[in-house]
Amino acid sequence: MKQRTGSTIRQRTSPARPAHWRTRSAVLSGLLSAALMLSGCVAQAGGSQNTSREPTPLSAAGVPSAPATNAPLETTQASNKVPVYWIGRSGENVYLYREFRDISGQENPVTTALRIMMSQKPLDRDFFTPWQEPDSLATSISGKNVITVDVSKGAFNSNLDAGMAQRAVQQLVYTATAAAASSGLIDTGQQLQVVILVDGHKDYMAFGQVKLGDPMSRNASLVAPVWIIDPQEDTSLPPGAVRFTGRSTVPNRPVRWQILRENANGDKVPVVNGQANPSAESGQGGAFNFTVGLTGGKYELRASLVSADGGSEVVTDTRLFVIK
């Protein structure tokens, strides 16, 4: 799976689309409209712009803001999975969240991850993507740790406000850099940047809001302050000791967690709760984990970042899973 380059890796895809992809546009259109309207970030029909307010700044939500340089890259791993970022809402805020998706064949992992981001749906029902499946997509990596993404303009065929457009562009930046880092294609000790071209040209306005063409880095203020890594959505696990893992961008604050079980009426009843302390070690990226013994049933895990005074939960991620 791993590939290395001294200069450039390039792959262009103009795939013959499977039937389920050809029907995706109509289905996704409805899902995306609903998701974006929930976030207040979609234009009204007829060209009348519904100007949404910006999501609450992270500092105002009780989460310290972080500079772009404080967005750690994924670590290299020998795996048949690739990291993909999605957009999700937590309370009044809209963040980027990561999932790992299966890959096959010998395709460039950066191209693969971006194609999944633009053409498929996230596993977690709370996430979505405003990107559309492009007619063409190519990626290359230079010896100076610059990823160039060349995508056709149809990928931007969603009507977004400035705040959501910024997050969509960062969704691409995070996904491209994550795929390159996790597959060992770049030197993670150097700064990594992404240049986005549209049909081979610079200066395109992404979603009519964000000018492309200049090198971009990760904006750490847009990634979710806390998210659950394992299990992924709708995973089936055997009964017994279940290990849960997650990540927080604020390692000096505890993560409060709760597991609920779905009863015969569909109601969710709390069964166990606790608190985890994210790692502050260099390279650990605020990782946390805990283990709980569970019997068969349908469950939901909730992980929340605690406020500075410890009195409230400011950001929450949820995950559904089954024990059987």
Protein backbone atom coordinates (compact mmCIF):
# COMPACT_ATOMS: atom_id res chain seq x y z
CA MET A 1 0.00 0.00 0.00
CA LYS A 2 2.80 2.41 0.87
CA GLN A 3 4.31 4.41 -1.94
CA ARG A 4 7.20 6.85 -1.77
CA THR A 5 8.20 9.57 -4.12
CA GLY A 6 11.31 11.61 -4.62
CA SER A 7 9.50 14.12 -6.76
CA THR A 8 5.95 13.56 -7.91
CA ILE A 9 3.10 11.07 -7.65
CA ARG A 10 0.24 11.76 -10.01
CA GLN A 11 -2.92 9.92 -10.79
CA ARG A 12 -5.94 11.06 -12.75
CA THR A 13 -9.30 9.44 -12.43
CA SER A 14 -12.28 9.79 -14.72
CA PRO A 15 -14.08 6.66 -13.58
CA ALA A 16 -17.00 4.91 -15.15
CA ARG A 17 -19.43 5.44 -12.35
CA PRO A 18 -21.21 2.49 -10.75
CA ALA A 19 -24.99 2.59 -10.65
CA HIS A 20 -25.09 3.49 -6.97
CA TRP A 21 -22.84 6.50 -7.69
CA ARG A 22 -25.01 7.60 -10.63
CA THR A 23 -28.06 7.71 -8.36
CA ARG A 24 -26.12 9.38 -5.57
CA SER A 25 -26.52 12.95 -6.84
CA ALA A 26 -30.28 12.97 -6.43
CA VAL A 27 -30.16 11.27 -3.05
CA LEU A 28 -27.30 13.40 -1.74
CA SER A 29 -28.97 16.57 -2.94
CA GLY A 30 -31.84 16.03 -0.52
CA LEU A 31 -29.63 14.88 2.33
CA LEU A 32 -27.17 17.73 1.86
CA SER A 33 -29.87 20.36 1.67
CA ALA A 34 -31.32 19.14 4.95
CA ALA A 35 -27.93 19.02 6.62
CA LEU A 36 -26.88 22.47 5.44
CA MET A 37 -30.19 24.02 6.37
CA LEU A 38 -29.76 22.67 9.87
CA SER A 39 -26.47 24.53 9.97
CA GLY A 40 -28.02 27.66 8.47
CA CYS A 41 -25.55 27.64 5.62
CA VAL A 42 -27.50 27.22 2.39
CA ALA A 43 -28.82 29.80 -0.04
CA GLN A 44 -32.51 30.24 -0.59
CA ALA A 45 -33.99 29.19 -3.93
CA GLY A 46 -34.14 31.85 -6.59
CA GLY A 47 -30.72 33.26 -5.73
CA SER A 48 -31.75 35.05 -2.53
CA GLN A 49 -28.89 34.44 -0.10
CA ASN A 50 -29.77 33.25 3.38
CA THR A 51 -26.86 34.88 5.18
CA SER A 52 -26.15 32.70 8.19
CA ARG A 53 -24.24 33.94 11.17
CA GLU A 54 -20.83 32.43 11.69
CA PRO A 55 -20.74 29.48 14.10
CA THR A 56 -19.79 30.44 17.64
CA PRO A 57 -16.02 31.03 17.86
CA LEU A 58 -14.22 28.21 19.64
CA SER A 59 -13.04 30.46 22.45
CA ALA A 60 -16.59 31.62 23.10
CA ALA A 61 -17.69 27.99 23.28
CA GLY A 62 -15.23 27.35 26.08
CA VAL A 63 -12.58 25.80 23.83
CA PRO A 64 -9.22 27.56 23.45
CA SER A 65 -8.45 28.66 19.90
CA ALA A 66 -5.41 27.01 18.32
CA PRO A 67 -3.05 28.33 15.63
CA ALA A 68 -2.91 26.56 12.26
CA THR A 69 0.55 25.24 13.08
CA ASN A 70 -0.90 23.30 16.01
CA ALA A 71 -2.79 20.80 13.83
CA PRO A 72 -0.83 17.53 14.09
CA LEU A 73 -0.62 15.19 11.13
CA GLU A 74 -1.72 11.57 11.22
CA THR A 75 0.98 9.01 11.92
CA THR A 76 2.18 6.53 9.33
CA GLN A 77 0.39 3.18 9.47
CA ALA A 78 0.46 -0.01 7.45
CA SER A 79 -3.23 -0.40 6.75
CA ASN A 80 -5.82 -0.92 4.05
CA LYS A 81 -7.72 2.09 5.36
CA VAL A 82 -7.41 5.78 4.52
CA PRO A 83 -8.40 8.79 6.70
CA VAL A 84 -11.22 10.97 5.38
CA TYR A 85 -12.55 14.14 6.99
CA TRP A 86 -16.21 15.19 7.07
CA ILE A 87 -18.18 18.15 8.37
CA GLY A 88 -20.36 17.78 11.45
CA ARG A 89 -22.28 19.95 13.87
CA SER A 90 -21.93 20.05 17.66
CA GLY A 91 -24.29 22.49 19.34
CA GLU A 92 -23.79 25.90 17.76
CA ASN A 93 -20.50 24.97 16.10
CA VAL A 94 -19.52 23.24 12.87
CA TYR A 95 -16.32 21.18 12.92
CA LEU A 96 -14.24 18.72 10.90
CA TYR A 97 -14.32 15.07 11.98
CA ARG A 98 -12.31 12.08 10.75
CA GLU A 99 -13.25 8.55 9.76
CA PHE A 100 -11.11 5.72 8.36
CA ARG A 101 -12.44 4.16 5.18
CA ASP A 102 -11.54 0.92 3.40
CA ILE A 103 -9.47 1.12 0.23
CA SER A 104 -8.58 -1.45 -2.39
CA GLY A 105 -6.19 -1.72 -5.31
CA GLN A 106 -3.01 0.26 -5.86
CA GLU A 107 -4.56 3.70 -6.32
CA ASN A 108 -2.78 6.76 -4.95
CA PRO A 109 -4.15 7.01 -1.36
CA VAL A 110 -4.49 10.82 -1.55
CA THR A 111 -6.62 10.57 -4.68
CA THR A 112 -8.59 7.73 -3.12
CA ALA A 113 -9.33 9.65 0.09
CA LEU A 114 -10.46 12.76 -1.79
CA ARG A 115 -12.64 10.75 -4.16
CA ILE A 116 -14.34 9.10 -1.17
CA MET A 117 -14.81 12.55 0.42
CA MET A 118 -16.47 13.90 -2.73
CA SER A 119 -18.37 10.83 -3.91
CA GLN A 120 -19.52 8.87 -0.86
CA LYS A 121 -21.41 9.45 2.35
CA PRO A 122 -19.83 9.36 5.82
CA LEU A 123 -20.49 6.36 8.04
CA ASP A 124 -21.64 8.61 10.90
CA ARG A 125 -25.14 10.00 10.34
CA ASP A 126 -24.16 13.22 12.11
CA PHE A 127 -21.60 14.07 9.41
CA PHE A 128 -22.01 15.26 5.82
CA THR A 129 -20.03 16.62 2.87
CA PRO A 130 -20.95 19.54 0.60
CA TRP A 131 -18.66 18.26 -2.18
CA GLN A 132 -20.02 16.71 -5.37
CA GLU A 133 -18.49 13.87 -7.38
CA PRO A 134 -16.03 15.42 -9.87
CA ASP A 135 -15.61 14.45 -13.51
CA SER A 136 -11.84 14.41 -13.00
CA LEU A 137 -9.50 14.39 -10.03
CA ALA A 138 -5.71 14.30 -9.89
CA THR A 139 -3.16 14.67 -7.10
CA SER A 140 0.60 15.07 -6.99
CA ILE A 141 3.17 15.44 -4.22
CA SER A 142 6.36 17.45 -4.72
CA GLY A 143 9.68 16.87 -3.00
CA LYS A 144 8.98 20.02 -0.97
CA ASN A 145 5.95 18.52 0.77
CA VAL A 146 3.40 20.34 -1.37
CA ILE A 147 0.31 18.39 -2.41
CA THR A 148 -1.34 19.66 -5.59
CA VAL A 149 -4.99 18.74 -6.12
CA ASP A 150 -6.50 19.35 -9.56
CA VAL A 151 -10.26 18.87 -9.57
CA SER A 152 -13.01 19.68 -12.06
CA LYS A 153 -15.33 22.57 -11.20
CA GLY A 154 -18.41 20.36 -10.87
CA ALA A 155 -17.12 19.30 -7.44
CA PHE A 156 -18.08 22.76 -6.14
CA ASN A 157 -21.72 22.55 -7.23
CA SER A 158 -23.17 23.39 -3.78
CA ASN A 159 -24.43 26.78 -2.61
CA LEU A 160 -22.59 27.62 0.64
CA ASP A 161 -22.06 30.68 2.75
CA ALA A 162 -18.54 31.89 3.59
CA GLY A 163 -18.22 29.97 6.86
CA MET A 164 -19.29 26.64 5.40
CA ALA A 165 -17.19 27.18 2.26
CA GLN A 166 -14.13 27.75 4.43
CA ARG A 167 -14.81 24.48 6.24
CA ALA A 168 -15.33 22.60 2.98
CA VAL A 169 -11.96 23.77 1.63
CA GLN A 170 -10.29 22.82 4.92
CA GLN A 171 -12.05 19.45 4.71
CA LEU A 172 -10.11 18.86 1.48
CA VAL A 173 -6.84 20.14 3.00
CA TYR A 174 -7.20 17.90 6.06
CA THR A 175 -8.14 14.83 4.00
CA ALA A 176 -5.28 15.24 1.51
CA THR A 177 -2.65 15.82 4.19
CA ALA A 178 -4.00 13.01 6.38
CA ALA A 179 -3.91 10.49 3.53
CA ALA A 180 -0.38 11.51 2.55
CA ALA A 181 0.91 11.35 6.13
CA SER A 182 -0.76 8.08 7.12
CA SER A 183 0.46 6.32 3.98
CA GLY A 184 4.06 7.50 4.43
CA LEU A 185 4.18 9.54 1.23
CA ILE A 186 5.52 12.72 2.84
CA ASP A 187 8.02 13.84 5.45
CA THR A 188 5.89 14.63 8.49
CA GLY A 189 8.80 16.54 10.01
CA GLN A 190 8.35 19.34 7.46
CA GLN A 191 5.51 21.75 6.86
CA LEU A 192 2.88 20.26 4.57
CA GLN A 193 0.78 22.44 2.27
CA VAL A 194 -1.94 21.92 -0.31
CA VAL A 195 -2.47 23.78 -3.58
CA ILE A 196 -5.93 23.41 -5.14
CA LEU A 197 -6.34 23.87 -8.89
CA VAL A 198 -9.64 23.74 -10.75
CA ASP A 199 -9.42 22.31 -14.26
CA GLY A 200 -5.70 23.10 -14.16
CA HIS A 201 -6.11 26.78 -13.24
CA LYS A 202 -5.53 28.95 -10.17
CA ASP A 203 -7.73 31.72 -8.74
CA TYR A 204 -11.01 29.76 -8.84
CA MET A 205 -13.54 30.86 -6.20
CA ALA A 206 -14.51 27.69 -4.34
CA PHE A 207 -18.28 27.65 -3.80
CA GLY A 208 -18.16 31.30 -4.85
CA GLN A 209 -16.51 32.18 -1.53
CA VAL A 210 -12.87 31.05 -1.14
CA LYS A 211 -10.11 31.93 -3.62
CA LEU A 212 -7.94 28.93 -4.49
CA GLY A 213 -4.46 28.53 -5.96
CA ASP A 214 -2.16 29.58 -3.12
CA PRO A 215 -0.59 27.02 -0.74
CA MET A 216 -2.86 26.21 2.21
CA SER A 217 -2.13 24.61 5.59
CA ARG A 218 -4.40 23.01 8.16
CA ASN A 219 -6.45 25.46 10.22
CA ALA A 220 -6.51 23.88 13.67
CA SER A 221 -9.41 26.06 14.83
CA LEU A 222 -11.80 24.17 12.53
CA VAL A 223 -11.10 20.59 13.63
CA ALA A 224 -13.41 19.10 16.28
CA PRO A 225 -12.07 19.66 19.82
CA VAL A 226 -13.07 16.08 20.70
CA TRP A 227 -14.07 13.08 18.66
CA ILE A 228 -14.46 9.32 19.03
CA ILE A 229 -12.03 7.24 16.95
CA ASP A 230 -13.12 3.68 17.79
CA PRO A 231 -15.57 2.17 17.41
CA GLN A 232 -16.71 3.71 14.16
CA GLU A 233 -20.42 4.21 13.49
CA ASP A 234 -22.56 1.03 13.46
CA THR A 235 -19.62 -1.26 14.23
CA SER A 236 -20.52 -4.72 15.60
CA LEU A 237 -18.34 -5.92 18.48
CA PRO A 238 -18.23 -9.12 20.56
CA PRO A 239 -19.44 -9.01 24.17
CA GLY A 240 -16.91 -8.54 26.94
CA ALA A 241 -14.26 -5.88 27.44
CA VAL A 242 -14.64 -3.15 24.80
CA ARG A 243 -11.86 -0.62 24.32
CA PHE A 244 -12.87 2.88 23.29
CA THR A 245 -10.45 5.46 21.88
CA GLY A 246 -10.75 9.13 21.01
CA ARG A 247 -8.89 12.38 20.58
CA SER A 248 -9.07 15.83 22.15
CA THR A 249 -7.31 19.01 21.05
CA VAL A 250 -7.35 20.28 24.63
CA PRO A 251 -5.27 17.67 26.50
CA ASN A 252 -5.28 19.60 29.79
CA ARG A 253 -9.04 19.08 30.17
CA PRO A 254 -10.79 15.79 30.94
CA VAL A 255 -13.23 14.11 28.57
CA ARG A 256 -16.48 13.05 30.19
CA TRP A 257 -18.03 9.93 28.65
CA GLN A 258 -21.31 8.05 28.95
CA ILE A 259 -22.63 4.82 27.43
CA LEU A 260 -26.35 4.38 26.88
CA ARG A 261 -28.23 1.21 25.92
CA GLU A 262 -31.28 1.17 23.67
CA ASN A 263 -34.24 -0.66 25.22
CA ALA A 264 -37.17 -2.40 23.51
CA ASN A 265 -39.06 0.91 23.19
CA GLY A 266 -36.17 2.59 21.43
CA ASP A 267 -35.34 4.74 24.43
CA LYS A 268 -31.70 5.09 25.44
CA VAL A 269 -30.90 4.44 29.08
CA PRO A 270 -27.54 5.32 30.69
CA VAL A 271 -25.64 2.25 31.86
CA VAL A 272 -22.17 3.53 32.76
CA ASN A 273 -20.18 6.75 32.72
CA GLY A 274 -16.73 8.02 33.56
CA GLN A 275 -13.96 10.44 32.76
CA ALA A 276 -10.81 10.08 30.64
CA ASN A 277 -7.68 12.21 30.66
CA PRO A 278 -6.23 12.90 27.19
CA SER A 279 -2.51 12.35 26.78
CA ALA A 280 -0.33 15.45 26.90
CA GLU A 281 2.71 13.60 25.51
CA SER A 282 4.31 14.92 22.33
CA GLY A 283 3.02 13.05 19.28
CA GLN A 284 0.00 11.60 21.11
CA GLY A 285 -2.34 14.33 19.84
CA GLY A 286 -4.54 14.36 22.95
CA ALA A 287 -5.42 10.67 22.60
CA PHE A 288 -7.57 9.07 25.29
CA ASN A 289 -8.95 5.57 25.87
CA PHE A 290 -10.94 3.51 28.35
CA THR A 291 -12.34 -0.02 28.52
CA VAL A 292 -15.84 -1.12 29.56
CA GLY A 293 -17.37 -4.60 29.87
CA LEU A 294 -20.63 -4.82 27.88
CA THR A 295 -23.20 -7.49 27.07
CA GLY A 296 -25.29 -7.81 23.90
CA GLY A 297 -27.40 -4.89 22.75
CA LYS A 298 -27.49 -1.60 20.86
CA TYR A 299 -25.48 1.22 22.43
CA GLU A 300 -24.52 4.86 22.07
CA LEU A 301 -21.26 6.36 23.31
CA ARG A 302 -21.13 10.07 24.12
CA ALA A 303 -17.80 11.82 24.70
CA SER A 304 -17.75 15.45 25.80
CA LEU A 305 -15.06 18.04 26.39
CA VAL A 306 -15.49 19.56 29.84
CA SER A 307 -15.40 23.33 30.36
CA ALA A 308 -12.44 24.98 32.07
CA ASP A 309 -14.28 25.11 35.39
CA GLY A 310 -15.40 21.48 35.03
CA GLY A 311 -19.05 22.39 35.35
CA SER A 312 -20.39 21.83 31.85
CA GLU A 313 -19.88 19.86 28.63
CA VAL A 314 -19.02 22.26 25.81
CA VAL A 315 -18.56 19.93 22.80
CA THR A 316 -19.91 16.39 22.36
CA ASP A 317 -19.36 13.58 19.85
CA THR A 318 -21.60 10.49 19.69
CA ARG A 319 -21.21 7.04 18.22
CA LEU A 320 -23.70 4.17 17.73
CA PHE A 321 -22.48 0.55 17.95
CA VAL A 322 -23.79 -2.96 18.54
CA ILE A 323 -22.59 -5.72 20.87
CA LYS A 324 -23.49 -9.20 19.60
